Full PDB file with SEQRES, HELIX, SHEET, SSBOND, CRYST1, ORIGX, SCALE, CONECT and MASTER records, all heavy atoms in Angstrom:
SEQRES   1 A   31  THR TRP ASN ASP ARG THR LEU GLU LEU VAL GLY LEU ASP          
SEQRES   2 A   31  ASP HIS GLU ALA SER SER HIS HIS PRO LEU ALA ALA ARG          
SEQRES   3 A   31  ARG LYS ASP ARG ARG                                          
SHEET    1 AA1 2 GLU A  16  ALA A  17  0                                        
SHEET    2 AA1 2 ARG A  26  ARG A  27 -1                                        
CRYST1    1.000    1.000    1.000  90.00  90.00  90.00 P 1           1          
ORIGX1      1.000000  0.000000  0.000000        0.00000                         
ORIGX2      0.000000  1.000000  0.000000        0.00000                         
ORIGX3      0.000000  0.000000  1.000000        0.00000                         
SCALE1      1.000000  0.000000  0.000000        0.00000                         
SCALE2      0.000000  1.000000  0.000000        0.00000                         
SCALE3      0.000000  0.000000  1.000000        0.00000                         
ATOM      1  N   THR A   1      65.703  79.394 143.498  1.00  0.00           N  
ATOM      2  CA  THR A   1      64.509  78.914 144.212  1.00  0.00           C  
ATOM      3  C   THR A   1      64.567  79.234 145.703  1.00  0.00           C  
ATOM      4  O   THR A   1      63.614  78.955 146.428  1.00  0.00           O  
ATOM      5  CB  THR A   1      64.341  77.391 144.028  1.00  0.00           C  
ATOM      6  OG1 THR A   1      65.444  76.713 144.660  1.00  0.00           O  
ATOM      7  CG2 THR A   1      64.286  77.027 142.553  1.00  0.00           C  
ATOM      8  N   TRP A   2      65.686  79.793 146.160  1.00  0.00           N  
ATOM      9  CA  TRP A   2      65.849  80.093 147.584  1.00  0.00           C  
ATOM     10  C   TRP A   2      65.306  81.478 147.911  1.00  0.00           C  
ATOM     11  O   TRP A   2      65.519  82.435 147.185  1.00  0.00           O  
ATOM     12  CB  TRP A   2      67.319  80.034 147.985  1.00  0.00           C  
ATOM     13  CG  TRP A   2      67.937  78.666 147.905  1.00  0.00           C  
ATOM     14  CD1 TRP A   2      67.280  77.479 147.781  1.00  0.00           C  
ATOM     15  CD2 TRP A   2      69.331  78.346 147.942  1.00  0.00           C  
ATOM     16  NE1 TRP A   2      68.168  76.439 147.738  1.00  0.00           N  
ATOM     17  CE2 TRP A   2      69.439  76.944 147.842  1.00  0.00           C  
ATOM     18  CE3 TRP A   2      70.490  79.102 148.065  1.00  0.00           C  
ATOM     19  CZ2 TRP A   2      70.671  76.281 147.840  1.00  0.00           C  
ATOM     20  CZ3 TRP A   2      71.726  78.447 148.069  1.00  0.00           C  
ATOM     21  CH2 TRP A   2      71.815  77.062 147.967  1.00  0.00           C  
ATOM     22  N   ASN A   3      64.629  81.570 149.026  1.00  0.00           N  
ATOM     23  CA  ASN A   3      64.125  82.862 149.507  1.00  0.00           C  
ATOM     24  C   ASN A   3      64.953  83.409 150.660  1.00  0.00           C  
ATOM     25  O   ASN A   3      65.112  84.620 150.811  1.00  0.00           O  
ATOM     26  CB  ASN A   3      62.660  82.735 149.952  1.00  0.00           C  
ATOM     27  CG  ASN A   3      61.713  82.486 148.789  1.00  0.00           C  
ATOM     28  OD1 ASN A   3      61.866  83.084 147.728  1.00  0.00           O  
ATOM     29  ND2 ASN A   3      60.740  81.598 148.981  1.00  0.00           N  
ATOM     30  N   ASP A   4      65.486  82.529 151.502  1.00  0.00           N  
ATOM     31  CA  ASP A   4      66.176  82.962 152.724  1.00  0.00           C  
ATOM     32  C   ASP A   4      67.614  82.460 152.789  1.00  0.00           C  
ATOM     33  O   ASP A   4      68.184  82.277 153.859  1.00  0.00           O  
ATOM     34  CB  ASP A   4      65.413  82.477 153.959  1.00  0.00           C  
ATOM     35  CG  ASP A   4      65.184  80.967 153.936  1.00  0.00           C  
ATOM     36  OD1 ASP A   4      65.571  80.318 152.936  1.00  0.00           O  
ATOM     37  OD2 ASP A   4      64.620  80.447 154.915  1.00  0.00           O  
ATOM     38  N   ARG A   5      68.202  82.204 151.629  1.00  0.00           N  
ATOM     39  CA  ARG A   5      69.562  81.684 151.588  1.00  0.00           C  
ATOM     40  C   ARG A   5      70.246  82.188 150.322  1.00  0.00           C  
ATOM     41  O   ARG A   5      69.603  82.322 149.279  1.00  0.00           O  
ATOM     42  CB  ARG A   5      69.535  80.158 151.631  1.00  0.00           C  
ATOM     43  CG  ARG A   5      70.882  79.489 151.615  1.00  0.00           C  
ATOM     44  CD  ARG A   5      70.728  77.979 151.666  1.00  0.00           C  
ATOM     45  NE  ARG A   5      70.325  77.506 152.992  1.00  0.00           N  
ATOM     46  CZ  ARG A   5      70.094  76.229 153.280  1.00  0.00           C  
ATOM     47  NH1 ARG A   5      70.194  75.311 152.334  1.00  0.00           N  
ATOM     48  NH2 ARG A   5      69.735  75.871 154.492  1.00  0.00           N  
ATOM     49  N   THR A   6      71.546  82.483 150.409  1.00  0.00           N  
ATOM     50  CA  THR A   6      72.282  82.955 149.234  1.00  0.00           C  
ATOM     51  C   THR A   6      73.355  81.951 148.848  1.00  0.00           C  
ATOM     52  O   THR A   6      73.825  81.162 149.689  1.00  0.00           O  
ATOM     53  CB  THR A   6      72.946  84.317 149.500  1.00  0.00           C  
ATOM     54  OG1 THR A   6      73.876  84.187 150.575  1.00  0.00           O  
ATOM     55  CG2 THR A   6      71.908  85.372 149.824  1.00  0.00           C  
ATOM     56  N   LEU A   7      73.765  81.987 147.588  1.00  0.00           N  
ATOM     57  CA  LEU A   7      74.800  81.092 147.076  1.00  0.00           C  
ATOM     58  C   LEU A   7      75.916  81.910 146.444  1.00  0.00           C  
ATOM     59  O   LEU A   7      75.650  82.845 145.679  1.00  0.00           O  
ATOM     60  CB  LEU A   7      74.207  80.140 146.028  1.00  0.00           C  
ATOM     61  CG  LEU A   7      75.212  79.232 145.313  1.00  0.00           C  
ATOM     62  CD1 LEU A   7      75.737  78.162 146.272  1.00  0.00           C  
ATOM     63  CD2 LEU A   7      74.571  78.569 144.098  1.00  0.00           C  
ATOM     64  N   GLU A   8      77.158  81.564 146.768  1.00  0.00           N  
ATOM     65  CA  GLU A   8      78.318  82.198 146.152  1.00  0.00           C  
ATOM     66  C   GLU A   8      79.219  81.116 145.559  1.00  0.00           C  
ATOM     67  O   GLU A   8      79.484  80.091 146.203  1.00  0.00           O  
ATOM     68  CB  GLU A   8      79.110  83.006 147.182  1.00  0.00           C  
ATOM     69  CG  GLU A   8      78.404  84.246 147.687  1.00  0.00           C  
ATOM     70  CD  GLU A   8      79.265  85.025 148.664  1.00  0.00           C  
ATOM     71  OE1 GLU A   8      80.498  85.051 148.455  1.00  0.00           O  
ATOM     72  OE2 GLU A   8      78.716  85.569 149.642  1.00  0.00           O  
ATOM     73  N   LEU A   9      79.685  81.333 144.327  1.00  0.00           N  
ATOM     74  CA  LEU A   9      80.623  80.423 143.672  1.00  0.00           C  
ATOM     75  C   LEU A   9      81.978  81.103 143.641  1.00  0.00           C  
ATOM     76  O   LEU A   9      82.138  82.180 143.062  1.00  0.00           O  
ATOM     77  CB  LEU A   9      80.144  80.103 142.244  1.00  0.00           C  
ATOM     78  CG  LEU A   9      78.721  79.555 142.110  1.00  0.00           C  
ATOM     79  CD1 LEU A   9      78.389  79.278 140.646  1.00  0.00           C  
ATOM     80  CD2 LEU A   9      78.543  78.286 142.943  1.00  0.00           C  
ATOM     81  N   VAL A  10      82.964  80.507 144.275  1.00  0.00           N  
ATOM     82  CA  VAL A  10      84.291  81.110 144.373  1.00  0.00           C  
ATOM     83  C   VAL A  10      85.342  80.101 143.911  1.00  0.00           C  
ATOM     84  O   VAL A  10      85.043  78.938 143.620  1.00  0.00           O  
ATOM     85  CB  VAL A  10      84.590  81.572 145.819  1.00  0.00           C  
ATOM     86  CG1 VAL A  10      83.555  82.581 146.282  1.00  0.00           C  
ATOM     87  CG2 VAL A  10      84.646  80.375 146.766  1.00  0.00           C  
ATOM     88  N   GLY A  11      86.588  80.585 143.840  1.00  0.00           N  
ATOM     89  CA  GLY A  11      87.690  79.705 143.469  1.00  0.00           C  
ATOM     90  C   GLY A  11      87.807  79.438 141.986  1.00  0.00           C  
ATOM     91  O   GLY A  11      88.414  78.440 141.574  1.00  0.00           O  
ATOM     92  N   LEU A  12      87.251  80.320 141.162  1.00  0.00           N  
ATOM     93  CA  LEU A  12      87.272  80.125 139.712  1.00  0.00           C  
ATOM     94  C   LEU A  12      88.230  81.077 139.000  1.00  0.00           C  
ATOM     95  O   LEU A  12      88.375  81.002 137.775  1.00  0.00           O  
ATOM     96  CB  LEU A  12      85.859  80.300 139.140  1.00  0.00           C  
ATOM     97  CG  LEU A  12      84.814  79.269 139.584  1.00  0.00           C  
ATOM     98  CD1 LEU A  12      83.426  79.691 139.116  1.00  0.00           C  
ATOM     99  CD2 LEU A  12      85.159  77.893 139.049  1.00  0.00           C  
ATOM    100  N   ASP A  13      88.897  81.951 139.739  1.00  0.00           N  
ATOM    101  CA  ASP A  13      89.724  82.979 139.107  1.00  0.00           C  
ATOM    102  C   ASP A  13      90.904  82.399 138.332  1.00  0.00           C  
ATOM    103  O   ASP A  13      91.341  82.964 137.330  1.00  0.00           O  
ATOM    104  CB  ASP A  13      90.235  83.964 140.159  1.00  0.00           C  
ATOM    105  CG  ASP A  13      89.118  84.800 140.757  1.00  0.00           C  
ATOM    106  OD1 ASP A  13      88.040  84.868 140.119  1.00  0.00           O  
ATOM    107  OD2 ASP A  13      89.297  85.360 141.853  1.00  0.00           O  
ATOM    108  N   ASP A  14      91.460  81.277 138.797  1.00  0.00           N  
ATOM    109  CA  ASP A  14      92.631  80.688 138.142  1.00  0.00           C  
ATOM    110  C   ASP A  14      92.253  79.674 137.062  1.00  0.00           C  
ATOM    111  O   ASP A  14      93.127  79.052 136.461  1.00  0.00           O  
ATOM    112  CB  ASP A  14      93.534  79.996 139.176  1.00  0.00           C  
ATOM    113  CG  ASP A  14      94.166  80.992 140.128  1.00  0.00           C  
ATOM    114  OD1 ASP A  14      94.396  82.139 139.694  1.00  0.00           O  
ATOM    115  OD2 ASP A  14      94.411  80.635 141.303  1.00  0.00           O  
ATOM    116  N   HIS A  15      90.950  79.506 136.831  1.00  0.00           N  
ATOM    117  CA  HIS A  15      90.485  78.559 135.801  1.00  0.00           C  
ATOM    118  C   HIS A  15      90.400  79.252 134.440  1.00  0.00           C  
ATOM    119  O   HIS A  15      90.146  80.457 134.362  1.00  0.00           O  
ATOM    120  CB  HIS A  15      89.105  77.994 136.152  1.00  0.00           C  
ATOM    121  CG  HIS A  15      89.111  77.049 137.302  1.00  0.00           C  
ATOM    122  ND1 HIS A  15      89.298  77.465 138.604  1.00  0.00           N  
ATOM    123  CD2 HIS A  15      88.944  75.697 137.362  1.00  0.00           C  
ATOM    124  CE1 HIS A  15      89.242  76.417 139.414  1.00  0.00           C  
ATOM    125  NE2 HIS A  15      89.034  75.337 138.693  1.00  0.00           N  
ATOM    126  N   GLU A  16      90.593  78.487 133.405  1.00  0.00           N  
ATOM    127  CA  GLU A  16      90.418  78.977 132.033  1.00  0.00           C  
ATOM    128  C   GLU A  16      88.984  78.699 131.589  1.00  0.00           C  
ATOM    129  O   GLU A  16      88.561  77.546 131.540  1.00  0.00           O  
ATOM    130  CB  GLU A  16      91.391  78.280 131.084  1.00  0.00           C  
ATOM    131  CG  GLU A  16      91.245  78.713 129.635  1.00  0.00           C  
ATOM    132  CD  GLU A  16      92.102  77.895 128.686  1.00  0.00           C  
ATOM    133  OE1 GLU A  16      92.925  77.087 129.177  1.00  0.00           O  
ATOM    134  OE2 GLU A  16      91.931  78.039 127.453  1.00  0.00           O  
ATOM    135  N   ALA A  17      88.238  79.757 131.313  1.00  0.00           N  
ATOM    136  CA  ALA A  17      86.841  79.613 130.897  1.00  0.00           C  
ATOM    137  C   ALA A  17      86.760  79.329 129.402  1.00  0.00           C  
ATOM    138  O   ALA A  17      87.570  79.838 128.612  1.00  0.00           O  
ATOM    139  CB  ALA A  17      86.051  80.866 131.232  1.00  0.00           C  
ATOM    140  N   SER A  18      85.783  78.529 128.991  1.00  0.00           N  
ATOM    141  CA  SER A  18      85.629  78.189 127.574  1.00  0.00           C  
ATOM    142  C   SER A  18      84.993  79.324 126.778  1.00  0.00           C  
ATOM    143  O   SER A  18      84.989  79.292 125.550  1.00  0.00           O  
ATOM    144  CB  SER A  18      84.794  76.915 127.423  1.00  0.00           C  
ATOM    145  OG  SER A  18      83.504  77.084 128.000  1.00  0.00           O  
ATOM    146  N   SER A  19      84.433  80.321 127.470  1.00  0.00           N  
ATOM    147  CA  SER A  19      83.861  81.497 126.810  1.00  0.00           C  
ATOM    148  C   SER A  19      83.687  82.594 127.850  1.00  0.00           C  
ATOM    149  O   SER A  19      84.035  82.411 129.021  1.00  0.00           O  
ATOM    150  CB  SER A  19      82.510  81.162 126.162  1.00  0.00           C  
ATOM    151  OG  SER A  19      81.489  81.049 127.141  1.00  0.00           O  
ATOM    152  N   HIS A  20      83.121  83.713 127.420  1.00  0.00           N  
ATOM    153  CA  HIS A  20      82.878  84.825 128.347  1.00  0.00           C  
ATOM    154  C   HIS A  20      81.557  84.672 129.096  1.00  0.00           C  
ATOM    155  O   HIS A  20      81.213  85.516 129.926  1.00  0.00           O  
ATOM    156  CB  HIS A  20      82.881  86.153 127.588  1.00  0.00           C  
ATOM    157  CG  HIS A  20      84.215  86.497 126.987  1.00  0.00           C  
ATOM    158  ND1 HIS A  20      85.325  86.752 127.761  1.00  0.00           N  
ATOM    159  CD2 HIS A  20      84.615  86.608 125.694  1.00  0.00           C  
ATOM    160  CE1 HIS A  20      86.361  87.019 126.981  1.00  0.00           C  
ATOM    161  NE2 HIS A  20      85.957  86.938 125.716  1.00  0.00           N  
ATOM    162  N   HIS A  21      80.824  83.621 128.810  1.00  0.00           N  
ATOM    163  CA  HIS A  21      79.541  83.389 129.496  1.00  0.00           C  
ATOM    164  C   HIS A  21      79.802  83.157 130.991  1.00  0.00           C  
ATOM    165  O   HIS A  21      80.740  82.439 131.357  1.00  0.00           O  
ATOM    166  CB  HIS A  21      78.837  82.179 128.881  1.00  0.00           C  
ATOM    167  CG  HIS A  21      77.411  82.029 129.298  1.00  0.00           C  
ATOM    168  ND1 HIS A  21      77.045  81.472 130.497  1.00  0.00           N  
ATOM    169  CD2 HIS A  21      76.253  82.359 128.664  1.00  0.00           C  
ATOM    170  CE1 HIS A  21      75.726  81.461 130.596  1.00  0.00           C  
ATOM    171  NE2 HIS A  21      75.223  82.002 129.503  1.00  0.00           N  
ATOM    172  N   PRO A  22      78.991  83.753 131.876  1.00  0.00           N  
ATOM    173  CA  PRO A  22      79.243  83.608 133.319  1.00  0.00           C  
ATOM    174  C   PRO A  22      79.163  82.168 133.819  1.00  0.00           C  
ATOM    175  O   PRO A  22      79.752  81.847 134.857  1.00  0.00           O  
ATOM    176  CB  PRO A  22      78.155  84.486 133.965  1.00  0.00           C  
ATOM    177  CG  PRO A  22      77.114  84.658 132.905  1.00  0.00           C  
ATOM    178  CD  PRO A  22      77.843  84.654 131.611  1.00  0.00           C  
ATOM    179  N   LEU A  23      78.466  81.308 133.102  1.00  0.00           N  
ATOM    180  CA  LEU A  23      78.326  79.915 133.523  1.00  0.00           C  
ATOM    181  C   LEU A  23      79.089  78.960 132.604  1.00  0.00           C  
ATOM    182  O   LEU A  23      78.805  77.770 132.550  1.00  0.00           O  
ATOM    183  CB  LEU A  23      76.840  79.518 133.567  1.00  0.00           C  
ATOM    184  CG  LEU A  23      75.951  80.347 134.498  1.00  0.00           C  
ATOM    185  CD1 LEU A  23      74.505  79.886 134.404  1.00  0.00           C  
ATOM    186  CD2 LEU A  23      76.439  80.252 135.939  1.00  0.00           C  
ATOM    187  N   ALA A  24      80.064  79.489 131.872  1.00  0.00           N  
ATOM    188  CA  ALA A  24      80.846  78.662 130.952  1.00  0.00           C  
ATOM    189  C   ALA A  24      81.672  77.630 131.721  1.00  0.00           C  
ATOM    190  O   ALA A  24      82.078  77.854 132.869  1.00  0.00           O  
ATOM    191  CB  ALA A  24      81.769  79.540 130.114  1.00  0.00           C  
ATOM    192  N   ALA A  25      81.918  76.476 131.080  1.00  0.00           N  
ATOM    193  CA  ALA A  25      82.762  75.445 131.680  1.00  0.00           C  
ATOM    194  C   ALA A  25      84.169  75.997 131.889  1.00  0.00           C  
ATOM    195  O   ALA A  25      84.634  76.861 131.146  1.00  0.00           O  
ATOM    196  CB  ALA A  25      82.805  74.222 130.769  1.00  0.00           C  
ATOM    197  N   ARG A  26      84.829  75.457 132.901  1.00  0.00           N  
ATOM    198  CA  ARG A  26      86.170  75.934 133.230  1.00  0.00           C  
ATOM    199  C   ARG A  26      87.105  74.756 133.512  1.00  0.00           C  
ATOM    200  O   ARG A  26      86.676  73.718 134.011  1.00  0.00           O  
ATOM    201  CB  ARG A  26      86.113  76.857 134.449  1.00  0.00           C  
ATOM    202  CG  ARG A  26      85.473  78.210 134.160  1.00  0.00           C  
ATOM    203  CD  ARG A  26      85.077  78.906 135.442  1.00  0.00           C  
ATOM    204  NE  ARG A  26      84.753  80.302 135.244  1.00  0.00           N  
ATOM    205  CZ  ARG A  26      83.580  80.750 134.776  1.00  0.00           C  
ATOM    206  NH1 ARG A  26      82.626  79.887 134.464  1.00  0.00           N  
ATOM    207  NH2 ARG A  26      83.359  82.041 134.626  1.00  0.00           N  
ATOM    208  N   ARG A  27      88.370  74.970 133.192  1.00  0.00           N  
ATOM    209  CA  ARG A  27      89.388  73.970 133.517  1.00  0.00           C  
ATOM    210  C   ARG A  27      90.623  74.673 134.055  1.00  0.00           C  
ATOM    211  O   ARG A  27      90.862  75.847 133.781  1.00  0.00           O  
ATOM    212  CB  ARG A  27      89.722  73.126 132.288  1.00  0.00           C  
ATOM    213  CG  ARG A  27      90.294  73.901 131.120  1.00  0.00           C  
ATOM    214  CD  ARG A  27      90.572  72.974 129.964  1.00  0.00           C  
ATOM    215  NE  ARG A  27      91.053  73.709 128.797  1.00  0.00           N  
ATOM    216  CZ  ARG A  27      91.397  73.133 127.662  1.00  0.00           C  
ATOM    217  NH1 ARG A  27      91.289  71.827 127.535  1.00  0.00           N  
ATOM    218  NH2 ARG A  27      91.831  73.859 126.639  1.00  0.00           N  
ATOM    219  N   LYS A  28      91.433  73.888 134.781  1.00  0.00           N  
ATOM    220  CA  LYS A  28      92.590  74.461 135.460  1.00  0.00           C  
ATOM    221  C   LYS A  28      93.772  73.511 135.320  1.00  0.00           C  
ATOM    222  O   LYS A  28      93.613  72.287 135.399  1.00  0.00           O  
ATOM    223  CB  LYS A  28      92.239  74.676 136.935  1.00  0.00           C  
ATOM    224  CG  LYS A  28      93.283  75.383 137.772  1.00  0.00           C  
ATOM    225  CD  LYS A  28      92.719  75.585 139.184  1.00  0.00           C  
ATOM    226  CE  LYS A  28      93.661  76.400 140.052  1.00  0.00           C  
ATOM    227  NZ  LYS A  28      93.103  76.603 141.404  1.00  0.00           N  
ATOM    228  N   ASP A  29      94.946  74.077 135.122  1.00  0.00           N  
ATOM    229  CA  ASP A  29      96.163  73.268 135.051  1.00  0.00           C  
ATOM    230  C   ASP A  29      96.339  72.523 136.368  1.00  0.00           C  
ATOM    231  O   ASP A  29      96.302  73.130 137.438  1.00  0.00           O  
ATOM    232  CB  ASP A  29      97.361  74.189 134.804  1.00  0.00           C  
ATOM    233  CG  ASP A  29      98.619  73.406 134.443  1.00  0.00           C  
ATOM    234  OD1 ASP A  29      98.847  72.342 135.048  1.00  0.00           O  
ATOM    235  OD2 ASP A  29      99.364  73.884 133.563  1.00  0.00           O  
ATOM    236  N   ARG A  30      96.544  71.217 136.297  1.00  0.00           N  
ATOM    237  CA  ARG A  30      96.641  70.414 137.520  1.00  0.00           C  
ATOM    238  C   ARG A  30      97.754  70.909 138.443  1.00  0.00           C  
ATOM    239  O   ARG A  30      97.673  70.768 139.660  1.00  0.00           O  
ATOM    240  CB  ARG A  30      96.897  68.945 137.175  1.00  0.00           C  
ATOM    241  CG  ARG A  30      95.733  68.250 136.512  1.00  0.00           C  
ATOM    242  CD  ARG A  30      95.956  66.766 136.534  1.00  0.00           C  
ATOM    243  NE  ARG A  30      94.892  66.081 135.792  1.00  0.00           N  
ATOM    244  CZ  ARG A  30      94.573  64.814 135.991  1.00  0.00           C  
ATOM    245  NH1 ARG A  30      95.219  64.114 136.879  1.00  0.00           N  
ATOM    246  NH2 ARG A  30      93.618  64.250 135.286  1.00  0.00           N  
ATOM    247  N   ARG A  31      98.787  71.479 137.856  1.00  0.00           N  
ATOM    248  CA  ARG A  31      99.903  71.941 138.674  1.00  0.00           C  
ATOM    249  C   ARG A  31      99.505  73.097 139.585  1.00  0.00           C  
ATOM    250  O   ARG A  31     100.196  73.417 140.556  1.00  0.00           O  
ATOM    251  CB  ARG A  31     101.057  72.371 137.767  1.00  0.00           C  
ATOM    252  CG  ARG A  31     101.718  71.207 137.029  1.00  0.00           C  
ATOM    253  CD  ARG A  31     102.678  71.701 135.967  1.00  0.00           C  
ATOM    254  NE  ARG A  31     101.992  72.486 134.950  1.00  0.00           N  
ATOM    255  CZ  ARG A  31     102.607  73.006 133.899  1.00  0.00           C  
ATOM    256  NH1 ARG A  31     103.914  72.859 133.736  1.00  0.00           N  
ATOM    257  NH2 ARG A  31     101.928  73.701 133.007  1.00  0.00           N  
TER     258      ARG A  31                                                      
MASTER        0    0    0    0    2    0    0    6  257    1    0    3          
END                                                                             
């Protein structure tokens, strides 16, 4: 819905995704 602003989602590389879907839920080992 934004015209003059962009959004970036970062910090997900070390998470385990529940599927290959780009918006799939993710979890990460607490350690």
